[in-house]
Amino acid sequence: MAKLSSKDWDALKKKLSTDGRFGKFTLGDPEKEYVTSRGMDILRLHATDFVNKRLAPAEPKNDGRQTPTKGHPVFIAQHATGCNDRDSLEEFFGIKKGIALSKAQVDKIVDAILRWIEEHLDT
């Protein structure tokens, strides 16, 4: 499993803060409760499933509109971390459009989503 290093996480946060996304999204009380009641292992499964279905294909269905901005903590985190569509993945992760994501790329994206959630549970 490819991990997002602390150095890569810091670099991503810097890019995202310049864009304004990182501070724009927050977890509300219902989302925090969802995370704490299910745990990070379940959230990792959800995030992996969402990324595999909605971002991993070379040509995702409804690209640019496939990730809601509410309804699940992972959706919120996807927007906050630039993991919500293929344009954002290209901009923030350097992953070119039109090519299916590798397992290593999916793992790094999921790590970014979960890191953001973990950092925002106590805010």
N, C-alpha and C. Protein backbone atom coordinates (compact mmCIF):
# COMPACT_ATOMS: atom_id res chain seq x y z
N MET A 1 0.84 -1.18 0.00
CA MET A 1 0.00 0.00 0.00
C MET A 1 0.89 1.24 0.00
N ALA A 2 0.67 2.12 -0.94
CA ALA A 2 1.43 3.37 -1.01
C ALA A 2 0.90 4.33 0.05
N LYS A 3 1.80 4.91 0.76
CA LYS A 3 1.42 5.85 1.82
C LYS A 3 1.76 7.27 1.41
N LEU A 4 0.98 8.19 1.89
CA LEU A 4 1.25 9.60 1.70
C LEU A 4 2.22 10.01 2.80
N SER A 5 3.42 10.38 2.43
CA SER A 5 4.43 10.75 3.43
C SER A 5 4.05 12.08 4.08
N SER A 6 4.65 12.35 5.22
CA SER A 6 4.41 13.63 5.89
C SER A 6 4.85 14.80 5.01
N LYS A 7 5.96 14.60 4.29
CA LYS A 7 6.46 15.64 3.39
C LYS A 7 5.45 15.90 2.27
N ASP A 8 4.92 14.82 1.67
CA ASP A 8 3.92 14.96 0.61
C ASP A 8 2.63 15.60 1.14
N TRP A 9 2.23 15.23 2.35
CA TRP A 9 1.04 15.79 2.98
C TRP A 9 1.22 17.30 3.20
N ASP A 10 2.39 17.69 3.71
CA ASP A 10 2.66 19.11 3.94
C ASP A 10 2.65 19.90 2.62
N ALA A 11 3.24 19.32 1.58
CA ALA A 11 3.26 19.98 0.27
C ALA A 11 1.84 20.11 -0.30
N LEU A 12 1.04 19.06 -0.14
CA LEU A 12 -0.35 19.11 -0.61
C LEU A 12 -1.14 20.16 0.15
N LYS A 13 -0.98 20.21 1.46
CA LYS A 13 -1.68 21.22 2.26
C LYS A 13 -1.31 22.63 1.83
N LYS A 14 -0.04 22.83 1.50
CA LYS A 14 0.40 24.15 1.05
C LYS A 14 -0.29 24.52 -0.26
N LYS A 15 -0.33 23.58 -1.22
CA LYS A 15 -1.01 23.83 -2.50
C LYS A 15 -2.49 24.13 -2.27
N LEU A 16 -3.11 23.34 -1.42
CA LEU A 16 -4.54 23.49 -1.17
C LEU A 16 -4.86 24.79 -0.46
N SER A 17 -3.99 25.22 0.44
CA SER A 17 -4.25 26.47 1.16
C SER A 17 -4.09 27.66 0.22
N THR A 18 -3.20 27.56 -0.74
CA THR A 18 -3.03 28.61 -1.74
C THR A 18 -4.29 28.73 -2.59
N ASP A 19 -4.91 27.59 -2.87
CA ASP A 19 -6.13 27.53 -3.68
C ASP A 19 -7.35 28.00 -2.87
N GLY A 20 -7.28 27.91 -1.55
CA GLY A 20 -8.39 28.32 -0.70
C GLY A 20 -9.31 27.19 -0.28
N ARG A 21 -9.09 26.00 -0.82
CA ARG A 21 -9.97 24.88 -0.48
C ARG A 21 -9.78 24.34 0.91
N PHE A 22 -8.54 24.32 1.36
CA PHE A 22 -8.23 23.61 2.60
C PHE A 22 -9.00 24.18 3.78
N GLY A 23 -9.15 25.50 3.84
CA GLY A 23 -9.86 26.10 4.94
C GLY A 23 -11.35 26.28 4.70
N LYS A 24 -11.79 26.02 3.48
CA LYS A 24 -13.19 26.24 3.11
C LYS A 24 -14.13 25.16 3.65
N PHE A 25 -13.64 23.94 3.75
CA PHE A 25 -14.49 22.81 4.13
C PHE A 25 -14.24 22.41 5.58
N THR A 26 -15.31 22.05 6.27
CA THR A 26 -15.21 21.59 7.65
C THR A 26 -16.17 20.43 7.87
N LEU A 27 -15.89 19.68 8.92
CA LEU A 27 -16.80 18.61 9.31
C LEU A 27 -17.77 19.16 10.35
N GLY A 28 -19.06 18.97 10.14
CA GLY A 28 -20.06 19.35 11.12
C GLY A 28 -20.20 18.27 12.18
N ASP A 29 -20.99 18.53 13.17
CA ASP A 29 -21.20 17.55 14.24
C ASP A 29 -21.74 16.20 13.73
N PRO A 30 -22.69 16.18 12.78
CA PRO A 30 -23.16 14.88 12.28
C PRO A 30 -22.04 14.06 11.62
N GLU A 31 -21.17 14.75 10.85
CA GLU A 31 -20.06 14.04 10.20
C GLU A 31 -19.05 13.54 11.21
N LYS A 32 -18.76 14.35 12.22
CA LYS A 32 -17.84 13.92 13.28
C LYS A 32 -18.38 12.71 14.02
N GLU A 33 -19.68 12.73 14.30
CA GLU A 33 -20.32 11.59 14.97
C GLU A 33 -20.24 10.35 14.09
N TYR A 34 -20.45 10.53 12.80
CA TYR A 34 -20.37 9.42 11.85
C TYR A 34 -18.98 8.77 11.92
N VAL A 35 -17.96 9.61 11.91
CA VAL A 35 -16.58 9.11 11.94
C VAL A 35 -16.30 8.39 13.26
N THR A 36 -16.64 9.01 14.37
CA THR A 36 -16.32 8.41 15.66
C THR A 36 -17.14 7.15 15.92
N SER A 37 -18.35 7.08 15.40
CA SER A 37 -19.17 5.88 15.64
C SER A 37 -18.74 4.70 14.79
N ARG A 38 -18.12 4.97 13.65
CA ARG A 38 -17.73 3.88 12.75
C ARG A 38 -16.24 3.57 12.79
N GLY A 39 -15.44 4.58 13.03
CA GLY A 39 -13.99 4.37 13.10
C GLY A 39 -13.31 4.57 11.77
N MET A 40 -12.00 4.78 11.84
CA MET A 40 -11.23 5.09 10.64
C MET A 40 -11.08 3.89 9.70
N ASP A 41 -11.11 2.68 10.22
CA ASP A 41 -11.01 1.52 9.33
C ASP A 41 -12.21 1.45 8.38
N ILE A 42 -13.39 1.72 8.89
CA ILE A 42 -14.59 1.73 8.05
C ILE A 42 -14.53 2.91 7.07
N LEU A 43 -14.06 4.07 7.56
CA LEU A 43 -13.93 5.24 6.67
C LEU A 43 -12.94 4.94 5.55
N ARG A 44 -11.87 4.21 5.84
CA ARG A 44 -10.91 3.85 4.79
C ARG A 44 -11.60 2.99 3.73
N LEU A 45 -12.43 2.06 4.17
CA LEU A 45 -13.17 1.23 3.20
C LEU A 45 -14.10 2.09 2.34
N HIS A 46 -14.83 3.01 2.99
CA HIS A 46 -15.72 3.89 2.24
C HIS A 46 -14.94 4.75 1.24
N ALA A 47 -13.86 5.37 1.72
CA ALA A 47 -13.06 6.24 0.86
C ALA A 47 -12.49 5.46 -0.33
N THR A 48 -11.99 4.28 -0.08
CA THR A 48 -11.43 3.45 -1.15
C THR A 48 -12.50 3.10 -2.17
N ASP A 49 -13.68 2.75 -1.68
CA ASP A 49 -14.78 2.41 -2.58
C ASP A 49 -15.18 3.63 -3.42
N PHE A 50 -15.34 4.80 -2.79
CA PHE A 50 -15.73 6.00 -3.53
C PHE A 50 -14.67 6.37 -4.58
N VAL A 51 -13.40 6.32 -4.21
CA VAL A 51 -12.34 6.68 -5.15
C VAL A 51 -12.29 5.68 -6.31
N ASN A 52 -12.39 4.39 -5.99
CA ASN A 52 -12.36 3.38 -7.05
C ASN A 52 -13.52 3.52 -8.02
N LYS A 53 -14.69 3.84 -7.51
CA LYS A 53 -15.88 3.93 -8.38
C LYS A 53 -15.98 5.28 -9.09
N ARG A 54 -15.59 6.37 -8.43
CA ARG A 54 -15.88 7.70 -8.95
C ARG A 54 -14.68 8.42 -9.56
N LEU A 55 -13.45 7.99 -9.23
CA LEU A 55 -12.27 8.70 -9.72
C LEU A 55 -11.29 7.81 -10.49
N ALA A 56 -11.22 6.55 -10.14
CA ALA A 56 -10.19 5.67 -10.69
C ALA A 56 -10.32 5.39 -12.19
N PRO A 57 -11.52 5.30 -12.73
CA PRO A 57 -11.60 5.03 -14.17
C PRO A 57 -10.94 6.15 -14.99
N ALA A 58 -10.43 5.80 -16.15
CA ALA A 58 -9.79 6.79 -17.02
C ALA A 58 -10.77 7.89 -17.41
N GLU A 59 -12.03 7.54 -17.59
CA GLU A 59 -13.08 8.50 -17.95
C GLU A 59 -14.25 8.32 -16.98
N PRO A 60 -14.14 8.87 -15.76
CA PRO A 60 -15.22 8.68 -14.78
C PRO A 60 -16.55 9.27 -15.25
N LYS A 61 -17.62 8.59 -14.91
CA LYS A 61 -18.96 9.08 -15.23
C LYS A 61 -19.20 10.41 -14.52
N ASN A 62 -19.75 11.36 -15.24
CA ASN A 62 -20.08 12.69 -14.68
C ASN A 62 -18.88 13.40 -14.08
N ASP A 63 -17.71 13.24 -14.68
CA ASP A 63 -16.51 13.86 -14.12
C ASP A 63 -16.72 15.36 -13.94
N GLY A 64 -16.37 15.83 -12.77
CA GLY A 64 -16.57 17.23 -12.43
C GLY A 64 -17.83 17.44 -11.61
N ARG A 65 -18.70 16.44 -11.59
CA ARG A 65 -19.93 16.52 -10.82
C ARG A 65 -20.21 15.23 -10.05
N GLN A 66 -19.21 14.37 -9.93
CA GLN A 66 -19.46 13.06 -9.34
C GLN A 66 -19.37 13.01 -7.82
N THR A 67 -18.86 14.06 -7.19
CA THR A 67 -18.67 14.03 -5.75
C THR A 67 -19.51 15.11 -5.08
N PRO A 68 -20.52 14.71 -4.31
CA PRO A 68 -21.33 15.69 -3.57
C PRO A 68 -20.47 16.44 -2.56
N THR A 69 -20.92 17.61 -2.14
CA THR A 69 -20.18 18.39 -1.14
C THR A 69 -20.69 18.15 0.27
N LYS A 70 -21.67 17.29 0.42
CA LYS A 70 -22.19 16.98 1.75
C LYS A 70 -22.78 15.58 1.75
N GLY A 71 -23.14 15.11 2.94
CA GLY A 71 -23.79 13.80 3.04
C GLY A 71 -22.90 12.70 3.57
N HIS A 72 -21.60 12.86 3.52
CA HIS A 72 -20.66 11.86 4.02
C HIS A 72 -19.33 12.56 4.30
N PRO A 73 -18.68 12.24 5.41
CA PRO A 73 -17.40 12.89 5.71
C PRO A 73 -16.36 12.73 4.61
N VAL A 74 -16.37 11.61 3.92
CA VAL A 74 -15.40 11.38 2.84
C VAL A 74 -15.64 12.37 1.70
N PHE A 75 -16.90 12.64 1.37
CA PHE A 75 -17.19 13.60 0.29
C PHE A 75 -16.62 14.97 0.62
N ILE A 76 -16.83 15.41 1.85
CA ILE A 76 -16.33 16.72 2.27
C ILE A 76 -14.80 16.74 2.18
N ALA A 77 -14.18 15.68 2.68
CA ALA A 77 -12.71 15.58 2.66
C ALA A 77 -12.18 15.52 1.23
N GLN A 78 -12.91 14.88 0.33
CA GLN A 78 -12.48 14.83 -1.06
C GLN A 78 -12.37 16.23 -1.65
N HIS A 79 -13.35 17.06 -1.38
CA HIS A 79 -13.30 18.44 -1.87
C HIS A 79 -12.18 19.22 -1.20
N ALA A 80 -12.03 19.05 0.09
CA ALA A 80 -11.01 19.79 0.84
C ALA A 80 -9.60 19.43 0.41
N THR A 81 -9.41 18.20 -0.05
CA THR A 81 -8.07 17.73 -0.40
C THR A 81 -7.81 17.66 -1.91
N GLY A 82 -8.73 18.18 -2.70
CA GLY A 82 -8.52 18.17 -4.15
C GLY A 82 -8.63 16.79 -4.76
N CYS A 83 -9.47 15.95 -4.17
CA CYS A 83 -9.65 14.57 -4.64
C CYS A 83 -11.09 14.35 -5.12
N ASN A 84 -11.74 15.39 -5.60
CA ASN A 84 -13.15 15.28 -5.93
C ASN A 84 -13.45 15.03 -7.40
N ASP A 85 -12.50 15.31 -8.29
CA ASP A 85 -12.68 15.02 -9.71
C ASP A 85 -11.31 14.93 -10.37
N ARG A 86 -11.31 14.55 -11.65
CA ARG A 86 -10.02 14.33 -12.32
C ARG A 86 -9.27 15.63 -12.58
N ASP A 87 -9.97 16.74 -12.79
CA ASP A 87 -9.28 18.03 -12.94
C ASP A 87 -8.50 18.36 -11.67
N SER A 88 -9.14 18.16 -10.52
CA SER A 88 -8.48 18.44 -9.24
C SER A 88 -7.32 17.50 -8.99
N LEU A 89 -7.49 16.23 -9.35
CA LEU A 89 -6.38 15.28 -9.18
C LEU A 89 -5.18 15.69 -10.02
N GLU A 90 -5.45 16.19 -11.21
CA GLU A 90 -4.35 16.64 -12.07
C GLU A 90 -3.68 17.87 -11.47
N GLU A 91 -4.48 18.81 -10.99
CA GLU A 91 -3.95 20.05 -10.43
C GLU A 91 -3.15 19.82 -9.14
N PHE A 92 -3.69 19.03 -8.23
CA PHE A 92 -3.07 18.91 -6.91
C PHE A 92 -2.17 17.68 -6.74
N PHE A 93 -2.40 16.64 -7.52
CA PHE A 93 -1.61 15.42 -7.38
C PHE A 93 -0.75 15.13 -8.61
N GLY A 94 -0.94 15.89 -9.68
CA GLY A 94 -0.17 15.66 -10.90
C GLY A 94 -0.56 14.39 -11.64
N ILE A 95 -1.79 13.89 -11.39
CA ILE A 95 -2.28 12.67 -12.03
C ILE A 95 -3.04 13.07 -13.29
N LYS A 96 -2.51 12.68 -14.43
CA LYS A 96 -3.09 13.05 -15.72
C LYS A 96 -4.47 12.43 -15.91
N LYS A 97 -5.32 13.20 -16.58
CA LYS A 97 -6.65 12.70 -16.94
C LYS A 97 -6.52 11.68 -18.06
N GLY A 98 -7.55 10.85 -18.20
CA GLY A 98 -7.59 9.90 -19.30
C GLY A 98 -6.84 8.61 -19.06
N ILE A 99 -6.25 8.46 -17.88
CA ILE A 99 -5.53 7.24 -17.53
C ILE A 99 -6.10 6.72 -16.22
N ALA A 100 -6.45 5.44 -16.18
CA ALA A 100 -7.00 4.85 -14.96
C ALA A 100 -5.98 4.95 -13.83
N LEU A 101 -6.47 5.19 -12.62
CA LEU A 101 -5.59 5.28 -11.46
C LEU A 101 -5.03 3.92 -11.08
N SER A 102 -3.78 3.90 -10.66
CA SER A 102 -3.16 2.67 -10.16
C SER A 102 -3.59 2.47 -8.70
N LYS A 103 -3.35 1.29 -8.19
CA LYS A 103 -3.67 1.02 -6.78
C LYS A 103 -2.86 1.94 -5.88
N ALA A 104 -1.62 2.19 -6.21
CA ALA A 104 -0.77 3.08 -5.41
C ALA A 104 -1.34 4.50 -5.38
N GLN A 105 -1.83 4.97 -6.53
CA GLN A 105 -2.43 6.30 -6.58
C GLN A 105 -3.71 6.36 -5.75
N VAL A 106 -4.54 5.33 -5.86
CA VAL A 106 -5.76 5.27 -5.05
C VAL A 106 -5.40 5.30 -3.57
N ASP A 107 -4.40 4.53 -3.18
CA ASP A 107 -3.99 4.48 -1.77
C ASP A 107 -3.52 5.85 -1.28
N LYS A 108 -2.76 6.57 -2.08
CA LYS A 108 -2.30 7.91 -1.68
C LYS A 108 -3.46 8.89 -1.55
N ILE A 109 -4.40 8.81 -2.46
CA ILE A 109 -5.57 9.68 -2.41
C ILE A 109 -6.39 9.38 -1.15
N VAL A 110 -6.60 8.11 -0.88
CA VAL A 110 -7.35 7.72 0.32
C VAL A 110 -6.61 8.19 1.58
N ASP A 111 -5.29 8.06 1.59
CA ASP A 111 -4.51 8.55 2.74
C ASP A 111 -4.72 10.05 2.94
N ALA A 112 -4.73 10.82 1.85
CA ALA A 112 -4.94 12.27 1.97
C ALA A 112 -6.32 12.56 2.55
N ILE A 113 -7.32 11.86 2.08
CA ILE A 113 -8.69 12.05 2.58
C ILE A 113 -8.75 11.76 4.08
N LEU A 114 -8.17 10.64 4.48
CA LEU A 114 -8.24 10.24 5.90
C LEU A 114 -7.40 11.15 6.79
N ARG A 115 -6.25 11.61 6.28
CA ARG A 115 -5.44 12.56 7.07
C ARG A 115 -6.23 13.83 7.34
N TRP A 116 -6.93 14.33 6.32
CA TRP A 116 -7.72 15.54 6.49
C TRP A 116 -8.82 15.30 7.52
N ILE A 117 -9.51 14.18 7.42
CA ILE A 117 -10.58 13.87 8.38
C ILE A 117 -10.02 13.81 9.79
N GLU A 118 -8.91 13.10 9.98
CA GLU A 118 -8.30 13.00 11.31
C GLU A 118 -7.94 14.37 11.87
N GLU A 119 -7.40 15.23 11.04
CA GLU A 119 -7.01 16.58 11.50
C GLU A 119 -8.21 17.46 11.83
N HIS A 120 -9.38 17.14 11.26
CA HIS A 120 -10.54 17.99 11.44
C HIS A 120 -11.57 17.44 12.43
N LEU A 121 -11.26 16.33 13.06
CA LEU A 121 -12.18 15.77 14.05
C LEU A 121 -12.25 16.63 15.32
N ASP A 122 -11.16 17.26 15.67
CA ASP A 122 -11.09 18.02 16.92
C ASP A 122 -11.32 19.51 16.75
N THR A 123 -11.69 19.93 15.54
CA THR A 123 -11.87 21.37 15.33
C THR A 123 -13.32 21.76 15.46
